[in-house]
Amino acid sequence: MNIEVKSGGGNRLDDLRPKALVTGCAGFIGSTLTDRLLADGFEVIGIDRFSDYYNRELKEQNLAAAMQHPRFTLIEEDIVEMDVFPAVDYVFHLAAQAGVRASWGRSFDIYTRDNIQATQRLLDFYATDAEASYRLKRFVYSSSSSVYGDIELPMREDRMVQPVSPYGVSKLAAEHLCYLYWKNYHVPTVSLRYFTVYGPRQRPDMGINKFVRAILAGEPVTIYGDGTQTRDFTYIDDAVEANVAAALCDTNNSNVCGETFNIGGGNRISVIDLIHAIEDATGRSAILNHVGEQKGDVQDTWADAGKAERGFGWSAKVRILEGLKRYVAWIDGGD
């Protein structure tokens, strides 16, 4: 099934509204951000090619509300194949090939194309097209804590990055592209390094989603390694707020443009303790299935998010136990 391309009606009020482009608009974070921007009064243009990384139907469900909104336009295209993009005030670039464990071998071709080439294509257009370049106030790129690898904790933006997965390498390369287009063309880029975002609409391959659904269904929960590895989890609403804050802060702020920022929830918890917390939230017991460690998985993540607070006033609000309760309630409510 193809989603109908819809466009808001043109009138003088619409011309005065801030206009945003959201790439990857049908995904987990992209669709949630799209809904937030529409609620805030933006006109939103979304681009998504509906890759087969997971079920298209889930992505269509993510976009269901936006598709009914008069200020939303969907462009179903592949960014790498596009030559022209809309002139907008804000670009939120979330489109990417996700997944640490799937990025090895010949699959890396997909990551170089969708994570590096697509980012370069967007940046080059907003650097060289006169109308689009003049209008653009901020280009917010969605990066990942995977760029860090196994480094000293807490992870800070001024430390050496040593990704241990091809996925992390691809996200770091796109960060470098953002910086060089800021340095050479003054594209007002900001790169946000997300730390394990979770919540409603989370991708089916992500840990919390798999853990919650398995426990609710009475099925085994797969744990890679001994479960002592830790992650810093970030609730979806906090991640979306970071995007908005990074976009709307002072456009002349030299402490923001060309910079990278950790977006972490301050919710560092071991995998085994996370499963115990999900047991508490669901009232069910987990059946554990331990398997070997996976290549590319780091042992620990923990964000120092002080730079984001100083740069554009962002800090996480939702703690892990509260976030899990919200997520379980969402799943119990029929997604």
Protein backbone atom coordinates (compact mmCIF):
# COMPACT_ATOMS: atom_id res chain seq x y z
CA MET A 1 0.00 0.00 0.00
CA ASN A 2 1.31 3.45 -0.89
CA ILE A 3 0.64 6.31 1.45
CA GLU A 4 -1.15 9.18 -0.23
CA VAL A 5 0.98 12.30 -0.58
CA LYS A 6 -0.84 15.13 1.14
CA SER A 7 -0.10 18.81 1.30
CA GLY A 8 -1.49 21.55 3.49
CA GLY A 9 -3.55 24.27 1.87
CA GLY A 10 -1.73 27.40 0.89
CA ASN A 11 -2.77 30.68 2.54
CA ARG A 12 -1.03 33.74 3.93
CA LEU A 13 -0.94 32.34 7.46
CA ASP A 14 0.83 29.20 6.22
CA ASP A 15 3.43 31.41 4.53
CA LEU A 16 4.29 32.90 7.92
CA ARG A 17 4.61 29.58 9.72
CA PRO A 18 8.04 28.09 10.38
CA LYS A 19 8.69 25.30 7.92
CA ALA A 20 10.63 22.15 8.78
CA LEU A 21 11.96 19.19 6.80
CA VAL A 22 12.07 15.89 8.69
CA THR A 23 13.94 13.08 6.95
CA GLY A 24 13.10 9.58 8.13
CA CYS A 25 9.72 10.98 9.14
CA ALA A 26 8.06 7.55 9.36
CA GLY A 27 10.58 6.16 11.83
CA PHE A 28 10.57 5.98 15.61
CA ILE A 29 12.07 9.37 16.45
CA GLY A 30 11.20 11.03 13.14
CA SER A 31 7.45 10.42 13.39
CA THR A 32 7.33 11.50 17.04
CA LEU A 33 9.21 14.68 16.17
CA THR A 34 6.88 15.29 13.22
CA ASP A 35 3.84 15.11 15.51
CA ARG A 36 5.50 17.48 17.98
CA LEU A 37 6.34 20.05 15.30
CA LEU A 38 2.81 19.96 13.91
CA ALA A 39 1.42 20.46 17.42
CA ASP A 40 3.75 23.44 17.81
CA GLY A 41 2.40 25.12 14.68
CA PHE A 42 5.06 24.18 12.12
CA GLU A 43 4.47 23.28 8.53
CA VAL A 44 6.26 19.96 8.13
CA ILE A 45 7.56 18.25 5.00
CA GLY A 46 8.60 14.65 5.59
CA ILE A 47 10.85 12.47 3.46
CA ASP A 48 10.94 8.70 3.86
CA ARG A 49 11.75 5.89 1.43
CA PHE A 50 10.21 3.20 3.66
CA SER A 51 13.22 0.91 3.62
CA ASP A 52 12.68 -2.76 4.38
CA TYR A 53 14.72 -2.72 7.63
CA TYR A 54 11.43 -3.40 9.38
CA ASN A 55 7.74 -3.70 8.50
CA ARG A 56 6.35 -0.85 6.43
CA GLU A 57 2.97 -1.19 8.16
CA LEU A 58 4.53 -0.10 11.45
CA LYS A 59 5.91 3.03 9.79
CA GLU A 60 2.53 3.80 8.26
CA GLN A 61 1.00 3.52 11.73
CA ASN A 62 3.63 5.95 13.02
CA LEU A 63 2.54 8.50 10.39
CA ALA A 64 -1.21 7.96 10.71
CA ALA A 65 -1.91 11.16 12.64
CA ALA A 66 0.41 13.32 10.54
CA MET A 67 -1.20 12.08 7.31
CA GLN A 68 -4.49 13.56 8.47
CA HIS A 69 -2.93 16.94 9.28
CA PRO A 70 -3.36 19.79 6.78
CA ARG A 71 0.16 21.12 7.45
CA PHE A 72 1.98 17.89 6.66
CA THR A 73 3.38 16.85 3.28
CA LEU A 74 4.94 13.45 2.65
CA ILE A 75 7.57 12.89 -0.04
CA GLU A 76 8.20 9.18 -0.53
CA GLU A 77 11.63 9.26 -2.12
CA ASP A 78 15.22 8.10 -1.63
CA ILE A 79 17.38 11.05 -0.54
CA VAL A 80 20.38 9.78 -2.50
CA GLU A 81 18.31 9.85 -5.70
CA MET A 82 16.95 13.38 -5.12
CA ASP A 83 18.49 16.49 -6.68
CA VAL A 84 16.29 19.17 -5.11
CA PHE A 85 15.00 19.60 -1.56
CA PRO A 86 12.50 22.10 -0.18
CA ALA A 87 13.60 25.49 1.09
CA VAL A 88 12.81 25.38 4.82
CA ASP A 89 13.73 27.08 8.07
CA TYR A 90 14.85 23.90 9.81
CA VAL A 91 16.15 20.53 8.66
CA PHE A 92 15.95 17.57 11.03
CA HIS A 93 17.96 14.80 9.42
CA LEU A 94 16.98 11.49 11.02
CA ALA A 95 16.93 9.22 7.97
CA ALA A 96 19.54 6.48 8.37
CA GLN A 97 20.19 2.76 8.22
CA ALA A 98 20.08 1.67 11.85
CA GLY A 99 21.55 -1.29 13.67
CA VAL A 100 24.99 -2.01 15.09
CA ARG A 101 24.93 -5.78 14.64
CA ALA A 102 23.65 -5.68 11.06
CA SER A 103 26.35 -3.33 9.78
CA TRP A 104 29.12 -5.86 9.14
CA GLY A 105 30.27 -7.37 5.83
CA ARG A 106 28.60 -6.48 2.55
CA SER A 107 25.71 -4.88 4.46
CA PHE A 108 28.03 -1.93 5.08
CA ASP A 109 27.26 -0.79 1.52
CA ILE A 110 23.81 0.17 2.77
CA TYR A 111 25.27 2.12 5.68
CA THR A 112 27.68 4.09 3.51
CA ARG A 113 24.84 4.94 1.14
CA ASP A 114 22.06 5.77 3.60
CA ASN A 115 24.13 7.28 6.41
CA ILE A 116 27.02 8.99 4.62
CA GLN A 117 26.01 9.67 1.02
CA ALA A 118 22.48 10.76 1.95
CA THR A 119 23.83 13.20 4.54
CA GLN A 120 26.31 14.65 2.05
CA ARG A 121 23.56 15.05 -0.55
CA LEU A 122 21.41 17.07 1.85
CA LEU A 123 24.27 19.19 3.15
CA ASP A 124 25.54 20.00 -0.31
CA PHE A 125 22.12 21.15 -1.46
CA TYR A 126 21.60 23.45 1.54
CA ALA A 127 25.14 24.77 1.06
CA THR A 128 24.87 25.59 -2.63
CA ASP A 129 21.22 26.34 -3.45
CA ALA A 130 20.84 30.09 -2.99
CA GLU A 131 17.21 30.13 -1.84
CA ALA A 132 17.51 27.13 0.49
CA SER A 133 20.81 28.32 1.96
CA TYR A 134 19.48 31.81 2.66
CA ARG A 135 16.36 30.54 4.43
CA LEU A 136 17.92 27.76 6.52
CA LYS A 137 18.31 28.58 10.23
CA ARG A 138 19.49 25.19 11.55
CA PHE A 139 20.39 21.72 10.27
CA VAL A 140 20.01 19.18 13.11
CA TYR A 141 21.70 15.86 12.44
CA SER A 142 20.85 12.71 14.39
CA SER A 143 24.04 10.92 15.37
CA SER A 144 24.66 8.17 17.91
CA SER A 145 26.62 7.29 21.02
CA SER A 146 28.00 4.44 18.89
CA VAL A 147 30.66 6.88 17.66
CA TYR A 148 32.41 6.61 21.05
CA GLY A 149 33.21 2.91 21.30
CA ASP A 150 34.69 1.68 24.58
CA ILE A 151 36.12 4.82 26.17
CA GLU A 152 36.41 6.24 29.67
CA LEU A 153 33.11 7.08 31.37
CA PRO A 154 31.24 9.34 31.40
CA MET A 155 31.42 9.93 27.67
CA ARG A 156 32.17 13.54 26.78
CA GLU A 157 32.26 15.25 23.43
CA ASP A 158 35.89 16.40 23.88
CA ARG A 159 37.24 12.83 24.17
CA MET A 160 38.67 10.73 21.37
CA VAL A 161 36.03 8.71 19.56
CA GLN A 162 36.84 5.12 18.61
CA PRO A 163 33.74 3.38 17.21
CA VAL A 164 33.80 -0.41 17.37
CA SER A 165 31.10 -1.07 14.75
CA PRO A 166 30.74 -0.16 11.08
CA TYR A 167 27.47 1.56 12.01
CA GLY A 168 29.34 3.82 14.45
CA VAL A 169 31.91 4.62 11.77
CA SER A 170 29.15 5.68 9.36
CA LYS A 171 27.53 7.99 11.91
CA LEU A 172 30.87 9.55 12.79
CA ALA A 173 31.65 10.15 9.12
CA ALA A 174 28.35 12.00 8.74
CA GLU A 175 29.19 14.12 11.80
CA HIS A 176 32.44 15.12 10.08
CA LEU A 177 30.46 16.06 6.98
CA CYS A 178 28.24 18.30 9.10
CA TYR A 179 31.30 20.05 10.52
CA LEU A 180 33.03 20.58 7.19
CA TYR A 181 29.89 22.06 5.60
CA TRP A 182 29.63 24.40 8.59
CA LYS A 183 33.30 25.32 8.33
CA ASN A 184 33.37 25.83 4.58
CA TYR A 185 29.81 26.85 3.67
CA HIS A 186 28.37 28.04 7.00
CA VAL A 187 25.54 25.51 6.94
CA PRO A 188 24.29 25.90 10.56
CA THR A 189 24.69 22.28 11.59
CA VAL A 190 24.25 20.67 15.00
CA SER A 191 24.94 16.97 15.63
CA LEU A 192 23.08 15.16 18.41
CA ARG A 193 24.56 11.94 19.76
CA TYR A 194 21.61 9.92 21.06
CA PHE A 195 22.10 7.43 23.87
CA THR A 196 19.68 4.47 23.40
CA VAL A 197 16.35 6.19 22.83
CA TYR A 198 13.27 4.19 23.86
CA GLY A 199 9.52 4.67 24.22
CA PRO A 200 6.34 4.40 22.12
CA ARG A 201 6.99 3.51 18.44
CA GLN A 202 10.43 2.08 19.27
CA ARG A 203 11.82 -0.06 16.46
CA PRO A 204 11.09 -3.80 16.81
CA ASP A 205 14.81 -4.69 16.85
CA MET A 206 15.64 -2.51 19.86
CA GLY A 207 16.32 -3.96 23.29
CA ILE A 208 13.58 -2.52 25.51
CA ASN A 209 10.94 -3.24 22.89
CA LYS A 210 12.05 -6.86 22.60
CA PHE A 211 12.38 -7.30 26.36
CA VAL A 212 8.95 -5.88 27.19
CA ARG A 213 7.12 -7.82 24.50
CA ALA A 214 8.86 -11.08 25.35
CA ILE A 215 8.11 -10.76 29.06
CA LEU A 216 4.45 -9.88 28.40
CA ALA A 217 4.15 -12.88 26.06
CA GLY A 218 5.91 -15.27 28.43
CA GLU A 219 8.68 -15.86 25.90
CA PRO A 220 12.45 -16.08 26.57
CA VAL A 221 14.43 -12.84 26.79
CA THR A 222 17.74 -13.05 24.93
CA ILE A 223 20.70 -11.49 26.76
CA TYR A 224 24.01 -11.09 24.98
CA GLY A 225 26.83 -11.86 27.40
CA ASP A 226 26.33 -11.89 31.17
CA GLY A 227 24.00 -8.89 31.38
CA THR A 228 26.40 -6.69 33.35
CA GLN A 229 26.91 -4.31 30.42
CA THR A 230 25.28 -0.93 31.03
CA ARG A 231 23.42 1.56 28.87
CA ASP A 232 22.33 5.16 29.31
CA PHE A 233 18.68 5.24 28.23
CA THR A 234 16.88 8.31 26.86
CA TYR A 235 13.09 8.58 26.71
CA ILE A 236 11.64 9.55 23.33
CA ASP A 237 10.05 12.79 24.57
CA ASP A 238 13.43 13.97 25.84
CA ALA A 239 15.09 13.14 22.52
CA VAL A 240 12.44 15.07 20.61
CA GLU A 241 12.78 18.03 22.97
CA ALA A 242 16.53 18.04 22.30
CA ASN A 243 15.89 18.38 18.57
CA VAL A 244 13.52 21.29 19.06
CA ALA A 245 15.80 23.05 21.54
CA ALA A 246 18.85 22.64 19.30
CA ALA A 247 16.93 24.04 16.33
CA LEU A 248 15.33 27.02 18.02
CA CYS A 249 18.18 28.35 20.14
CA ASP A 250 19.98 31.53 19.08
CA THR A 251 20.94 31.12 15.42
CA ASN A 252 24.07 33.19 16.01
CA ASN A 253 25.22 31.07 18.94
CA SER A 254 28.81 30.13 18.12
CA ASN A 255 28.72 27.51 20.87
CA VAL A 256 26.12 25.49 18.96
CA CYS A 257 26.73 25.59 15.20
CA GLY A 258 29.24 23.05 13.96
CA GLU A 259 29.22 21.30 17.34
CA THR A 260 28.24 17.85 18.61
CA PHE A 261 26.17 17.24 21.74
CA ASN A 262 25.41 14.20 23.87
CA ILE A 263 21.70 13.53 24.30
CA GLY A 264 21.56 11.06 27.18
CA GLY A 265 18.94 10.44 29.81
CA GLY A 266 21.27 10.01 32.77
CA ASN A 267 19.62 6.61 33.24
CA ARG A 268 22.61 4.28 33.23
CA ILE A 269 21.53 0.78 34.19
CA SER A 270 22.80 -2.75 33.57
CA VAL A 271 20.90 -4.98 31.19
CA ILE A 272 20.02 -7.43 33.95
CA ASP A 273 18.76 -4.64 36.23
CA LEU A 274 16.77 -3.24 33.31
CA ILE A 275 15.04 -6.58 32.91
CA HIS A 276 14.24 -6.63 36.63
CA ALA A 277 12.74 -3.13 36.27
CA ILE A 278 10.60 -4.33 33.35
CA GLU A 279 9.45 -7.27 35.49
CA ASP A 280 8.32 -4.76 38.12
CA ALA A 281 6.58 -2.57 35.52
CA THR A 282 4.74 -5.50 33.91
CA GLY A 283 4.13 -7.66 36.96
CA ARG A 284 5.57 -10.61 35.03
CA SER A 285 8.70 -12.72 35.45
CA ALA A 286 11.31 -12.94 32.70
CA ILE A 287 12.62 -16.18 31.21
CA LEU A 288 16.29 -15.50 30.55
CA ASN A 289 18.26 -16.92 27.63
CA HIS A 290 21.97 -16.02 27.74
CA VAL A 291 23.92 -16.14 24.46
CA GLY A 292 27.39 -15.02 23.44
CA GLU A 293 28.55 -11.42 23.17
CA GLN A 294 28.07 -9.70 19.83
CA LYS A 295 30.76 -7.94 17.80
CA GLY A 296 30.33 -4.18 17.80
CA ASP A 297 28.51 -3.99 21.14
CA VAL A 298 30.25 -1.70 23.62
CA GLN A 299 30.42 -2.69 27.27
CA ASP A 300 29.07 0.54 28.76
CA THR A 301 27.57 3.88 27.75
CA TRP A 302 27.00 6.88 29.97
CA ALA A 303 26.53 10.42 28.72
CA ASP A 304 27.85 13.60 30.19
CA ALA A 305 25.09 15.86 28.82
CA GLY A 306 26.36 19.08 30.37
CA LYS A 307 27.34 20.56 27.01
CA ALA A 308 23.75 20.33 25.71
CA GLU A 309 22.48 22.05 28.84
CA ARG A 310 25.00 24.85 28.44
CA GLY A 311 24.55 25.10 24.68
CA PHE A 312 20.78 25.12 24.31
CA GLY A 313 19.29 24.51 27.73
CA TRP A 314 18.46 20.83 27.31
CA SER A 315 18.45 18.21 30.04
CA ALA A 316 16.58 14.91 30.30
CA LYS A 317 13.40 14.89 32.36
CA VAL A 318 12.10 11.30 32.25
CA ARG A 319 13.89 8.76 34.44
CA ILE A 320 14.12 5.13 33.40
CA LEU A 321 11.51 3.70 35.80
CA GLU A 322 8.92 6.30 34.79
CA GLY A 323 9.74 5.80 31.11
CA LEU A 324 9.30 2.05 31.38
CA LYS A 325 5.90 2.51 33.01
CA ARG A 326 4.81 4.77 30.15
CA TYR A 327 6.07 2.33 27.55
CA VAL A 328 4.40 -0.70 29.11
CA ALA A 329 1.13 1.26 29.36
CA TRP A 330 1.43 2.16 25.66
CA ILE A 331 1.93 -1.47 24.67
CA ASP A 332 -0.89 -2.64 26.96
CA GLY A 333 -3.12 -0.04 25.32
CA GLY A 334 -2.70 -1.73 21.94
CA ASP A 335 0.27 0.32 20.65
